[in-house]
Amino acid sequence: MLSTLSASPQQEATVSSRQHDDNSTSERPLTRRSSTPVARSPGGLRVIEGGGQRRQDEPLVSRDAVARVLMEAGVDLLLRRISTARAAEIERKVDRVLDLFDRVDAAPLLMPVLQRHLDELEALMRETRQVRAPARRGG
């Protein structure tokens, strides 16, 4: 599948051919095939303004908000602020809610069921935010 992907000329980089000589010390850096200077940060990353401040907990009223809950849980798991069991429970509830969002689109009568599951997920996230260990800073 990767062989079918192609990069644009701006994304392509040329690499000098390197002799397989262990004594070779000169290497040319990667150069871009673009005639205009690139003002972006390396790798196409961009800075998201926010000053490092946490967002206020938002109500779960959309698929995007529910997806952000899953990302938050993933970060907490990676930082070891929550257990794998709690992360798995959050993931299970998020999957269920996202499935219900799709089903409500087809059958609006399921909206009360979706709302109940959203309320349960919000309660779980409130509890998670209260019990998780604070992030350690410094060394």
N, C-alpha and C. Protein backbone atom coordinates (compact mmCIF):
# COMPACT_ATOMS: atom_id res chain seq x y z
N MET A 1 0.82 -1.18 0.00
CA MET A 1 0.00 0.00 0.00
C MET A 1 0.87 1.25 0.00
N LEU A 2 1.97 1.22 0.71
CA LEU A 2 2.84 2.38 0.74
C LEU A 2 3.43 2.68 -0.62
N SER A 3 3.58 1.69 -1.46
CA SER A 3 4.16 1.93 -2.78
C SER A 3 3.23 2.73 -3.67
N THR A 4 1.94 2.78 -3.35
CA THR A 4 1.01 3.54 -4.17
C THR A 4 0.95 5.00 -3.77
N LEU A 5 1.55 5.35 -2.65
CA LEU A 5 1.54 6.73 -2.21
C LEU A 5 2.66 7.48 -2.91
N SER A 6 2.41 8.71 -3.29
CA SER A 6 3.47 9.51 -3.91
C SER A 6 3.49 10.88 -3.25
N ALA A 7 4.68 11.40 -3.08
CA ALA A 7 4.85 12.70 -2.44
C ALA A 7 4.81 13.79 -3.51
N SER A 8 4.39 14.97 -3.12
CA SER A 8 4.41 16.09 -4.04
C SER A 8 5.86 16.55 -4.20
N PRO A 9 6.16 17.26 -5.26
CA PRO A 9 7.54 17.73 -5.47
C PRO A 9 8.06 18.55 -4.29
N GLN A 10 7.18 19.27 -3.60
CA GLN A 10 7.62 20.06 -2.45
C GLN A 10 8.00 19.19 -1.28
N GLN A 11 7.43 17.99 -1.18
CA GLN A 11 7.72 17.11 -0.06
C GLN A 11 8.89 16.20 -0.32
N GLU A 12 9.29 16.09 -1.58
CA GLU A 12 10.38 15.19 -1.90
C GLU A 12 11.69 15.79 -1.45
N ALA A 13 12.59 14.97 -1.05
CA ALA A 13 13.92 15.43 -0.67
C ALA A 13 14.93 14.57 -1.39
N THR A 14 16.00 15.18 -1.77
CA THR A 14 17.04 14.41 -2.42
C THR A 14 18.15 14.16 -1.43
N VAL A 15 18.69 13.01 -1.49
CA VAL A 15 19.76 12.63 -0.60
C VAL A 15 20.97 12.30 -1.46
N SER A 16 22.10 12.85 -1.09
CA SER A 16 23.30 12.56 -1.88
C SER A 16 23.65 11.09 -1.74
N SER A 17 24.17 10.55 -2.80
CA SER A 17 24.59 9.16 -2.71
C SER A 17 25.84 9.11 -1.85
N ARG A 18 25.88 8.17 -0.99
CA ARG A 18 26.96 8.09 -0.01
C ARG A 18 27.80 6.86 -0.31
N GLN A 19 29.10 7.04 -0.31
CA GLN A 19 29.97 5.90 -0.49
C GLN A 19 29.98 5.11 0.80
N HIS A 20 30.11 3.84 0.71
CA HIS A 20 30.11 3.00 1.89
C HIS A 20 31.50 2.90 2.48
N ASP A 21 32.15 4.02 2.60
CA ASP A 21 33.49 4.13 3.12
C ASP A 21 33.40 4.62 4.56
N ASP A 22 33.89 3.87 5.50
CA ASP A 22 33.80 4.27 6.90
C ASP A 22 34.59 5.54 7.19
N ASN A 23 35.55 5.88 6.36
CA ASN A 23 36.36 7.07 6.59
C ASN A 23 35.73 8.32 6.01
N SER A 24 34.62 8.18 5.31
CA SER A 24 33.96 9.32 4.70
C SER A 24 33.33 10.18 5.79
N THR A 25 33.71 11.48 5.81
CA THR A 25 33.18 12.37 6.84
C THR A 25 32.27 13.44 6.27
N SER A 26 32.26 13.60 4.97
CA SER A 26 31.43 14.67 4.40
C SER A 26 30.11 14.09 3.91
N GLU A 27 29.03 14.65 4.42
CA GLU A 27 27.69 14.30 3.97
C GLU A 27 26.97 15.57 3.65
N ARG A 28 26.22 15.56 2.56
CA ARG A 28 25.42 16.74 2.23
C ARG A 28 24.06 16.60 2.89
N PRO A 29 23.53 17.68 3.42
CA PRO A 29 22.21 17.61 4.08
C PRO A 29 21.11 17.44 3.05
N LEU A 30 19.95 17.06 3.53
CA LEU A 30 18.76 16.95 2.68
C LEU A 30 18.44 18.32 2.11
N THR A 31 18.07 18.36 0.84
CA THR A 31 17.66 19.62 0.23
C THR A 31 16.29 19.43 -0.37
N ARG A 32 15.50 20.48 -0.36
CA ARG A 32 14.15 20.43 -0.93
C ARG A 32 14.18 20.84 -2.39
N ARG A 33 13.27 20.32 -3.16
CA ARG A 33 13.13 20.69 -4.57
C ARG A 33 12.06 21.75 -4.71
N SER A 34 12.25 22.85 -4.08
CA SER A 34 11.27 23.92 -4.14
C SER A 34 11.98 25.22 -4.43
N SER A 35 11.39 26.04 -5.27
CA SER A 35 12.03 27.31 -5.61
C SER A 35 11.69 28.41 -4.62
N THR A 36 10.70 28.17 -3.75
CA THR A 36 10.33 29.18 -2.77
C THR A 36 10.83 28.76 -1.40
N PRO A 37 11.22 29.74 -0.60
CA PRO A 37 11.69 29.39 0.75
C PRO A 37 10.53 28.86 1.59
N VAL A 38 10.84 27.92 2.44
CA VAL A 38 9.82 27.29 3.27
C VAL A 38 9.85 27.94 4.65
N ALA A 39 8.72 28.48 5.08
CA ALA A 39 8.64 29.15 6.37
C ALA A 39 7.99 28.26 7.42
N ARG A 40 7.63 27.04 7.06
CA ARG A 40 6.99 26.13 8.00
C ARG A 40 8.02 25.49 8.90
N SER A 41 7.53 24.96 9.99
CA SER A 41 8.44 24.24 10.88
C SER A 41 8.74 22.87 10.28
N PRO A 42 9.82 22.25 10.69
CA PRO A 42 10.20 20.95 10.12
C PRO A 42 9.10 19.92 10.31
N GLY A 43 8.94 19.08 9.31
CA GLY A 43 7.97 17.99 9.41
C GLY A 43 6.53 18.41 9.23
N GLY A 44 6.28 19.65 8.86
CA GLY A 44 4.92 20.09 8.65
C GLY A 44 4.14 20.28 9.94
N LEU A 45 4.81 20.33 11.07
CA LEU A 45 4.13 20.55 12.34
C LEU A 45 3.84 22.02 12.53
N ARG A 46 2.82 22.32 13.29
CA ARG A 46 2.51 23.72 13.57
C ARG A 46 2.20 23.87 15.05
N VAL A 47 2.40 25.05 15.54
CA VAL A 47 2.16 25.34 16.95
C VAL A 47 0.70 25.73 17.13
N ILE A 48 0.06 25.12 18.09
CA ILE A 48 -1.32 25.46 18.41
C ILE A 48 -1.28 26.39 19.61
N GLU A 49 -1.80 27.58 19.44
CA GLU A 49 -1.79 28.56 20.51
C GLU A 49 -2.66 28.09 21.66
N GLY A 50 -2.25 28.37 22.85
CA GLY A 50 -3.03 27.99 24.01
C GLY A 50 -2.28 28.20 25.30
N GLY A 51 -1.00 28.46 25.20
CA GLY A 51 -0.22 28.76 26.39
C GLY A 51 -0.08 27.60 27.34
N GLY A 52 -0.35 26.40 26.89
CA GLY A 52 -0.21 25.24 27.76
C GLY A 52 -1.31 25.10 28.80
N GLN A 53 -2.33 25.92 28.70
CA GLN A 53 -3.42 25.86 29.66
C GLN A 53 -4.43 24.81 29.23
N ARG A 54 -4.94 24.09 30.21
CA ARG A 54 -5.97 23.09 29.94
C ARG A 54 -7.28 23.75 29.60
N ARG A 55 -7.99 23.16 28.69
CA ARG A 55 -9.34 23.64 28.38
C ARG A 55 -10.27 23.29 29.52
N GLN A 56 -11.30 24.09 29.64
CA GLN A 56 -12.35 23.73 30.57
C GLN A 56 -13.02 22.47 30.03
N ASP A 57 -13.47 21.62 30.94
CA ASP A 57 -14.14 20.40 30.52
C ASP A 57 -15.40 20.77 29.76
N GLU A 58 -15.49 20.30 28.53
CA GLU A 58 -16.61 20.65 27.69
C GLU A 58 -17.72 19.60 27.79
N PRO A 59 -18.95 20.02 27.62
CA PRO A 59 -20.03 19.03 27.63
C PRO A 59 -19.93 18.14 26.40
N LEU A 60 -20.31 16.90 26.57
CA LEU A 60 -20.24 15.94 25.47
C LEU A 60 -21.53 16.02 24.65
N VAL A 61 -21.49 16.89 23.65
CA VAL A 61 -22.68 17.09 22.82
C VAL A 61 -22.42 16.76 21.35
N SER A 62 -21.19 16.38 21.02
CA SER A 62 -20.88 16.09 19.62
C SER A 62 -19.90 14.93 19.53
N ARG A 63 -19.78 14.40 18.34
CA ARG A 63 -18.80 13.33 18.10
C ARG A 63 -17.39 13.82 18.38
N ASP A 64 -17.11 15.06 18.00
CA ASP A 64 -15.77 15.62 18.22
C ASP A 64 -15.43 15.69 19.70
N ALA A 65 -16.38 16.11 20.51
CA ALA A 65 -16.14 16.19 21.96
C ALA A 65 -15.88 14.80 22.54
N VAL A 66 -16.61 13.82 22.05
CA VAL A 66 -16.41 12.44 22.52
C VAL A 66 -15.05 11.93 22.07
N ALA A 67 -14.65 12.26 20.85
CA ALA A 67 -13.32 11.85 20.36
C ALA A 67 -12.22 12.49 21.20
N ARG A 68 -12.42 13.73 21.63
CA ARG A 68 -11.42 14.39 22.48
C ARG A 68 -11.30 13.69 23.83
N VAL A 69 -12.40 13.15 24.33
CA VAL A 69 -12.36 12.38 25.58
C VAL A 69 -11.45 11.16 25.41
N LEU A 70 -11.57 10.50 24.27
CA LEU A 70 -10.73 9.33 24.01
C LEU A 70 -9.26 9.73 23.93
N MET A 71 -8.97 10.85 23.28
CA MET A 71 -7.59 11.33 23.21
C MET A 71 -7.06 11.70 24.59
N GLU A 72 -7.89 12.34 25.40
CA GLU A 72 -7.49 12.69 26.76
C GLU A 72 -7.15 11.44 27.56
N ALA A 73 -7.98 10.42 27.43
CA ALA A 73 -7.72 9.17 28.14
C ALA A 73 -6.43 8.52 27.65
N GLY A 74 -6.17 8.60 26.35
CA GLY A 74 -4.94 8.05 25.81
C GLY A 74 -3.72 8.76 26.37
N VAL A 75 -3.79 10.07 26.46
CA VAL A 75 -2.69 10.84 27.04
C VAL A 75 -2.50 10.47 28.50
N ASP A 76 -3.60 10.40 29.23
CA ASP A 76 -3.52 10.04 30.65
C ASP A 76 -2.91 8.64 30.83
N LEU A 77 -3.26 7.73 29.96
CA LEU A 77 -2.70 6.38 30.04
C LEU A 77 -1.20 6.40 29.75
N LEU A 78 -0.80 7.12 28.71
CA LEU A 78 0.62 7.21 28.38
C LEU A 78 1.43 7.86 29.50
N LEU A 79 0.83 8.84 30.16
CA LEU A 79 1.51 9.51 31.27
C LEU A 79 1.33 8.77 32.59
N ARG A 80 0.68 7.62 32.53
CA ARG A 80 0.44 6.76 33.68
C ARG A 80 -0.35 7.46 34.79
N ARG A 81 -1.27 8.32 34.38
CA ARG A 81 -2.16 8.97 35.34
C ARG A 81 -3.40 8.14 35.60
N ILE A 82 -3.72 7.22 34.67
CA ILE A 82 -4.86 6.33 34.86
C ILE A 82 -4.42 4.91 34.56
N SER A 83 -5.19 3.97 35.06
CA SER A 83 -4.87 2.55 34.85
C SER A 83 -5.33 2.10 33.47
N THR A 84 -4.80 0.97 33.04
CA THR A 84 -5.23 0.42 31.76
C THR A 84 -6.69 0.00 31.82
N ALA A 85 -7.13 -0.44 32.99
CA ALA A 85 -8.53 -0.85 33.14
C ALA A 85 -9.46 0.36 32.95
N ARG A 86 -9.09 1.50 33.54
CA ARG A 86 -9.92 2.71 33.40
C ARG A 86 -9.89 3.17 31.94
N ALA A 87 -8.72 3.15 31.32
CA ALA A 87 -8.62 3.57 29.92
C ALA A 87 -9.47 2.67 29.03
N ALA A 88 -9.45 1.37 29.30
CA ALA A 88 -10.25 0.43 28.51
C ALA A 88 -11.74 0.70 28.70
N GLU A 89 -12.15 1.03 29.91
CA GLU A 89 -13.56 1.34 30.18
C GLU A 89 -13.98 2.60 29.44
N ILE A 90 -13.12 3.61 29.45
CA ILE A 90 -13.42 4.85 28.72
C ILE A 90 -13.52 4.55 27.22
N GLU A 91 -12.59 3.76 26.71
CA GLU A 91 -12.61 3.42 25.29
C GLU A 91 -13.90 2.67 24.93
N ARG A 92 -14.30 1.74 25.78
CA ARG A 92 -15.52 0.97 25.53
C ARG A 92 -16.74 1.89 25.49
N LYS A 93 -16.82 2.82 26.44
CA LYS A 93 -17.95 3.75 26.48
C LYS A 93 -17.94 4.71 25.29
N VAL A 94 -16.76 5.17 24.90
CA VAL A 94 -16.65 6.06 23.75
C VAL A 94 -17.11 5.34 22.49
N ASP A 95 -16.67 4.10 22.32
CA ASP A 95 -17.10 3.32 21.14
C ASP A 95 -18.62 3.18 21.11
N ARG A 96 -19.20 2.91 22.25
CA ARG A 96 -20.66 2.75 22.34
C ARG A 96 -21.37 4.06 21.99
N VAL A 97 -20.87 5.18 22.52
CA VAL A 97 -21.49 6.48 22.25
C VAL A 97 -21.37 6.84 20.77
N LEU A 98 -20.19 6.62 20.18
CA LEU A 98 -20.03 6.93 18.76
C LEU A 98 -20.95 6.08 17.90
N ASP A 99 -21.12 4.83 18.28
CA ASP A 99 -22.06 3.96 17.58
C ASP A 99 -23.49 4.50 17.70
N LEU A 100 -23.84 4.95 18.90
CA LEU A 100 -25.18 5.51 19.10
C LEU A 100 -25.39 6.80 18.31
N PHE A 101 -24.36 7.62 18.19
CA PHE A 101 -24.48 8.82 17.35
C PHE A 101 -24.89 8.42 15.94
N ASP A 102 -24.25 7.39 15.40
CA ASP A 102 -24.58 6.93 14.04
C ASP A 102 -26.00 6.39 13.99
N ARG A 103 -26.40 5.65 15.00
CA ARG A 103 -27.75 5.07 15.01
C ARG A 103 -28.82 6.13 15.18
N VAL A 104 -28.52 7.19 15.95
CA VAL A 104 -29.51 8.27 16.14
C VAL A 104 -29.74 9.02 14.83
N ASP A 105 -28.69 9.11 14.00
CA ASP A 105 -28.88 9.75 12.70
C ASP A 105 -29.96 9.03 11.90
N ALA A 106 -30.00 7.71 11.99
CA ALA A 106 -30.98 6.92 11.25
C ALA A 106 -32.31 6.79 11.99
N ALA A 107 -32.24 6.76 13.32
CA ALA A 107 -33.46 6.59 14.12
C ALA A 107 -33.44 7.56 15.30
N PRO A 108 -33.97 8.77 15.10
CA PRO A 108 -33.94 9.81 16.14
C PRO A 108 -34.62 9.40 17.46
N LEU A 109 -35.44 8.37 17.43
CA LEU A 109 -36.09 7.92 18.67
C LEU A 109 -35.08 7.39 19.68
N LEU A 110 -33.86 7.08 19.24
CA LEU A 110 -32.82 6.58 20.15
C LEU A 110 -32.08 7.69 20.89
N MET A 111 -32.49 8.93 20.69
CA MET A 111 -31.81 10.06 21.32
C MET A 111 -31.76 9.95 22.85
N PRO A 112 -32.82 9.53 23.54
CA PRO A 112 -32.73 9.38 25.00
C PRO A 112 -31.68 8.35 25.42
N VAL A 113 -31.52 7.30 24.64
CA VAL A 113 -30.50 6.28 24.94
C VAL A 113 -29.11 6.89 24.78
N LEU A 114 -28.91 7.65 23.70
CA LEU A 114 -27.63 8.33 23.49
C LEU A 114 -27.35 9.29 24.63
N GLN A 115 -28.35 10.06 25.03
CA GLN A 115 -28.15 11.03 26.10
C GLN A 115 -27.76 10.33 27.41
N ARG A 116 -28.39 9.21 27.69
CA ARG A 116 -28.05 8.46 28.91
C ARG A 116 -26.59 7.99 28.88
N HIS A 117 -26.15 7.49 27.73
CA HIS A 117 -24.76 7.04 27.60
C HIS A 117 -23.78 8.21 27.64
N LEU A 118 -24.17 9.36 27.07
CA LEU A 118 -23.32 10.55 27.17
C LEU A 118 -23.17 10.98 28.62
N ASP A 119 -24.27 10.94 29.37
CA ASP A 119 -24.23 11.31 30.80
C ASP A 119 -23.32 10.36 31.58
N GLU A 120 -23.40 9.07 31.26
CA GLU A 120 -22.54 8.09 31.94
C GLU A 120 -21.07 8.33 31.61
N LEU A 121 -20.77 8.66 30.36
CA LEU A 121 -19.40 8.94 29.97
C LEU A 121 -18.88 10.21 30.65
N GLU A 122 -19.73 11.23 30.70
CA GLU A 122 -19.33 12.46 31.40
C GLU A 122 -19.05 12.19 32.87
N ALA A 123 -19.88 11.38 33.51
CA ALA A 123 -19.66 11.04 34.92
C ALA A 123 -18.35 10.28 35.10
N LEU A 124 -18.07 9.34 34.22
CA LEU A 124 -16.82 8.59 34.28
C LEU A 124 -15.62 9.52 34.10
N MET A 125 -15.72 10.47 33.20
CA MET A 125 -14.61 11.39 32.97
C MET A 125 -14.44 12.36 34.15
N ARG A 126 -15.52 12.79 34.77
CA ARG A 126 -15.40 13.64 35.97
C ARG A 126 -14.67 12.89 37.06
N GLU A 127 -15.08 11.64 37.27
CA GLU A 127 -14.43 10.80 38.27
C GLU A 127 -12.95 10.58 37.93
N THR A 128 -12.67 10.33 36.66
CA THR A 128 -11.30 10.11 36.21
C THR A 128 -10.44 11.33 36.46
N ARG A 129 -10.96 12.49 36.16
CA ARG A 129 -10.20 13.73 36.36
C ARG A 129 -9.95 14.00 37.83
N GLN A 130 -10.85 13.56 38.69
CA GLN A 130 -10.68 13.77 40.13
C GLN A 130 -9.69 12.80 40.74
N VAL A 131 -9.65 11.56 40.27
CA VAL A 131 -8.81 10.55 40.92
C VAL A 131 -7.44 10.37 40.28
N ARG A 132 -7.27 10.85 39.08
CA ARG A 132 -5.98 10.63 38.43
C ARG A 132 -4.87 11.38 39.17
N ALA A 133 -3.73 10.77 39.18
CA ALA A 133 -2.58 11.36 39.86
C ALA A 133 -2.13 12.59 39.08
N PRO A 134 -1.71 13.65 39.77
CA PRO A 134 -1.24 14.83 39.04
C PRO A 134 0.03 14.51 38.27
N ALA A 135 0.20 15.21 37.16
CA ALA A 135 1.41 14.99 36.33
C ALA A 135 2.62 15.47 37.10
N ARG A 136 3.68 14.71 37.03
CA ARG A 136 4.92 15.10 37.70
C ARG A 136 5.71 16.03 36.79
N ARG A 137 6.19 17.09 37.38
CA ARG A 137 6.99 18.06 36.62
C ARG A 137 8.39 18.10 37.20
N GLY A 138 9.33 18.41 36.37
CA GLY A 138 10.70 18.56 36.84
C GLY A 138 11.40 17.23 36.98
N GLY A 139 12.51 17.20 37.72
CA GLY A 139 13.26 15.96 37.81
C GLY A 139 13.55 15.63 39.15
